[in-house]
Each structure stands twice: as structure tokens, then as C-alpha cells.
Amino acid sequence: MKTVMMLLAGMVASPLMAITFTRVSVEQPEGITHYRMYDEGKIYFSGNSMVIDTVGNGKVESIALSQVDKMLFETVDLSASGVERVISMSPKLSLFPNPTSDVVTVEMDRDGSYPYRIYSMDGECLMKGVTSNGAVIDLSLLAKGVYMIELNGTYLKICKL
């Protein structure tokens, strides 16, 4: 069984006692679930599941990858009064057509070049490269199946026919 670490988030206290964490939003068919990733928190693949351990204490939540549509990451400051302020966020991203038989076009709300990685459902990185808004990623060498693509902090599920 192959495991790939996808995220390590730190918890930082400022002089005003604000805490910085990574908010992970997991979009599933039944809705969006938000997770606060602290200190040694991590997200990784195990078999056909995504495992979330928000604080690194071994208390995990497992989500079937077939149920994950999209993951978004935001860096958030939490003040002592409980007010959250988003510091940075993943770009808005879509890939089309999805499902596809060979190529997908990248559509994002930011200009520039961004690295991407494509993972199998077992967590193995199968492809990597650099892409930009409007660019095409060739998936013709991949077998039919379901994959996760990570692009600048956003993870999307893509189906190859």
C-alpha cells in the first residue's frame, strides 16, 4: 500500500495571539466539509481512501476517494476573539472535459505558470509538469480510471475514459 503525504500545516502564534492554520474544504456529492489542519496535521492516500488527521494525533477520518470531487486549501488567521481572516487561497480551477479520453483544458482565475501533479487512487504520482490558464494537459498515456490532479493547492478528481 502506497501512501503519499499531501499536506503539512503549521500552527503559528503572533504577538496578538492569532493562530494560523490551513482550512481544507472537501467537496463531496452531499456537500462541502471544512477541516482545520494544525501543527502536525496531514492528509494522505491509503488504498482507495483519503485520510485526514487534523492534528497529527492518529485520530483520523477516512473518505472514499470516489466521494471526493474537489479539495481547496486556504491559509487562515484565527484571532483570539475567534474571527477568521483568509490570508491566501487556492486558485479557482476547473478542468474540462471531465470525464475525458485524452486531454483536459485548464481553466483558472489566475495568470502565470503553476506546477501540477497527477496521482493514482493509490497515491502514486504518475505525472507532473507546469501548466497555465488555457493550457492543455495530455492524459493519453494514462490508463482508464480515476485520478487526482493537484494544481497550486487545489485538488480535483478527473476521470479518464
Protein backbone atom coordinates (compact mmCIF):
# COMPACT_ATOMS: atom_id res chain seq x y z
CA MET A 1 0.00 0.00 0.00
CA LYS A 2 1.49 3.32 -1.09
CA THR A 3 0.97 6.45 0.98
CA VAL A 4 1.60 10.00 -0.21
CA MET A 5 1.67 12.94 2.18
CA MET A 6 -0.34 15.79 0.69
CA LEU A 7 -0.20 18.48 3.35
CA LEU A 8 1.66 19.52 6.45
CA ALA A 9 0.24 22.68 8.01
CA GLY A 10 1.84 24.71 10.74
CA MET A 11 0.26 26.50 13.64
CA VAL A 12 1.82 29.89 14.35
CA ALA A 13 1.02 32.30 17.17
CA SER A 14 1.57 36.03 16.60
CA PRO A 15 2.02 38.66 19.32
CA LEU A 16 -1.75 39.24 19.20
CA MET A 17 -2.32 35.52 19.83
CA ALA A 18 -3.69 34.83 16.36
CA ILE A 19 -3.28 31.26 15.19
CA THR A 20 -2.59 30.45 11.56
CA PHE A 21 -3.97 27.19 10.18
CA THR A 22 -4.85 25.66 6.83
CA ARG A 23 -8.55 25.22 6.14
CA VAL A 24 -9.18 22.29 3.81
CA SER A 25 -12.58 22.24 2.11
CA VAL A 26 -13.53 18.83 0.73
CA GLU A 27 -16.32 18.95 -1.84
CA GLN A 28 -18.41 15.77 -1.97
CA PRO A 29 -21.73 14.94 -3.67
CA GLU A 30 -23.62 15.61 -0.40
CA GLY A 31 -21.90 18.93 0.33
CA ILE A 32 -18.68 20.57 1.50
CA THR A 33 -16.87 19.65 4.72
CA HIS A 34 -14.25 22.01 6.19
CA TYR A 35 -11.25 20.82 8.22
CA ARG A 36 -8.78 22.92 10.23
CA MET A 37 -5.30 21.49 9.76
CA TYR A 38 -2.98 22.28 12.69
CA ASP A 39 0.66 21.70 13.52
CA GLU A 40 1.39 18.10 12.50
CA GLY A 41 -1.88 17.63 10.63
CA LYS A 42 -1.76 15.70 7.39
CA ILE A 43 -3.80 14.37 4.52
CA TYR A 44 -2.71 11.24 2.70
CA PHE A 45 -3.96 8.42 0.49
CA SER A 46 -4.37 4.91 1.81
CA GLY A 47 -5.76 2.40 -0.65
CA ASN A 48 -8.88 3.95 -2.20
CA SER A 49 -9.37 6.43 0.63
CA MET A 50 -8.16 9.87 1.60
CA VAL A 51 -7.21 10.00 5.28
CA ILE A 52 -7.38 13.25 7.25
CA ASP A 53 -5.59 13.70 10.58
CA THR A 54 -6.14 17.35 11.52
CA VAL A 55 -3.69 17.50 14.45
CA GLY A 56 -1.40 14.51 13.87
CA ASN A 57 -2.66 12.53 16.85
CA GLY A 58 -3.78 9.43 14.97
CA LYS A 59 -7.50 10.24 15.24
CA VAL A 60 -8.31 10.12 11.56
CA GLU A 61 -11.28 10.47 9.27
CA SER A 62 -11.29 8.39 6.12
CA ILE A 63 -13.17 9.44 2.98
CA ALA A 64 -13.59 7.20 -0.07
CA LEU A 65 -11.81 8.87 -2.99
CA SER A 66 -14.80 8.06 -5.16
CA GLN A 67 -16.73 10.57 -2.99
CA VAL A 68 -14.18 13.42 -3.27
CA ASP A 69 -14.93 15.87 -6.08
CA LYS A 70 -12.60 18.74 -5.17
CA MET A 71 -10.35 19.96 -2.36
CA LEU A 72 -9.49 23.60 -1.72
CA PHE A 73 -6.83 24.95 0.64
CA GLU A 74 -6.84 28.33 2.39
CA THR A 75 -4.40 29.81 4.88
CA VAL A 76 -6.40 31.40 7.70
CA ASP A 77 -5.55 33.56 10.71
CA LEU A 78 -7.77 32.93 13.73
CA SER A 79 -7.76 35.84 16.20
CA ALA A 80 -8.11 35.43 19.96
CA SER A 81 -11.72 36.62 19.59
CA GLY A 82 -12.47 33.78 17.15
CA VAL A 83 -12.58 35.86 13.95
CA GLU A 84 -11.16 34.06 10.90
CA ARG A 85 -9.32 36.03 8.20
CA VAL A 86 -8.30 34.31 4.96
CA ILE A 87 -4.65 35.13 4.15
CA SER A 88 -4.32 33.16 0.91
CA MET A 89 -6.41 30.70 -1.00
CA SER A 90 -6.16 28.20 -3.83
CA PRO A 91 -7.00 29.46 -7.30
CA LYS A 92 -10.44 28.70 -8.70
CA LEU A 93 -9.77 25.85 -11.05
CA SER A 94 -11.67 23.65 -13.46
CA LEU A 95 -10.64 21.00 -15.96
CA PHE A 96 -12.71 20.11 -18.99
CA PRO A 97 -13.89 17.90 -20.45
CA ASN A 98 -14.26 15.70 -17.40
CA PRO A 99 -14.51 12.77 -17.98
CA THR A 100 -12.04 12.79 -20.85
CA SER A 101 -10.50 10.29 -23.22
CA ASP A 102 -7.14 12.00 -23.75
CA VAL A 103 -6.67 15.71 -22.87
CA VAL A 104 -8.08 18.28 -20.44
CA THR A 105 -8.02 22.05 -20.69
CA VAL A 106 -7.07 24.03 -17.58
CA GLU A 107 -9.27 26.98 -16.65
CA MET A 108 -8.26 29.10 -13.67
CA ASP A 109 -8.82 32.59 -12.32
CA ARG A 110 -5.10 33.49 -12.24
CA ASP A 111 -2.44 34.10 -14.84
CA GLY A 112 1.01 32.59 -14.56
CA SER A 113 2.58 29.16 -14.68
CA TYR A 114 1.84 26.61 -11.97
CA PRO A 115 3.20 23.14 -11.26
CA TYR A 116 0.78 20.21 -11.28
CA ARG A 117 0.92 16.57 -10.21
CA ILE A 118 -1.43 13.75 -11.16
CA TYR A 119 -1.92 10.96 -8.62
CA SER A 120 -3.40 7.49 -8.96
CA MET A 121 -6.06 6.46 -6.45
CA ASP A 122 -3.26 4.60 -4.63
CA GLY A 123 -1.45 7.91 -4.08
CA GLU A 124 1.33 7.33 -6.61
CA CYS A 125 2.44 10.42 -8.52
CA LEU A 126 2.12 9.41 -12.18
CA MET A 127 2.71 12.71 -13.98
CA LYS A 128 3.96 16.18 -13.20
CA GLY A 129 4.61 19.31 -15.13
CA VAL A 130 3.84 23.01 -15.38
CA THR A 131 0.63 24.48 -16.79
CA SER A 132 -1.24 27.77 -17.10
CA ASN A 133 -4.72 29.11 -17.77
CA GLY A 134 -6.00 27.79 -21.12
CA ALA A 135 -3.27 25.15 -21.43
CA VAL A 136 -3.95 21.51 -22.28
CA ILE A 137 -2.69 18.55 -20.20
CA ASP A 138 -2.27 15.35 -22.20
CA LEU A 139 -3.56 12.30 -20.30
CA SER A 140 -3.36 9.90 -23.25
CA LEU A 141 -0.58 7.84 -21.62
CA LEU A 142 -2.68 7.13 -18.52
CA ALA A 143 -4.86 4.03 -18.29
CA LYS A 144 -8.63 4.38 -17.96
CA GLY A 145 -9.56 5.23 -14.39
CA VAL A 146 -9.97 7.92 -11.76
CA TYR A 147 -7.12 10.26 -10.80
CA MET A 148 -6.48 13.26 -8.55
CA ILE A 149 -4.73 16.29 -10.02
CA GLU A 150 -3.08 18.80 -7.69
CA LEU A 151 -2.50 22.26 -9.08
CA ASN A 152 -1.28 25.06 -6.82
CA GLY A 153 -3.12 23.90 -3.70
CA THR A 154 -6.31 22.70 -5.39
CA TYR A 155 -7.06 19.00 -5.84
CA LEU A 156 -9.59 17.80 -8.41
CA LYS A 157 -10.80 14.36 -9.32
CA ILE A 158 -10.59 13.55 -13.04
CA CYS A 159 -11.95 10.52 -14.88
CA LYS A 160 -10.12 9.07 -17.87
CA LEU A 161 -12.29 7.04 -20.26
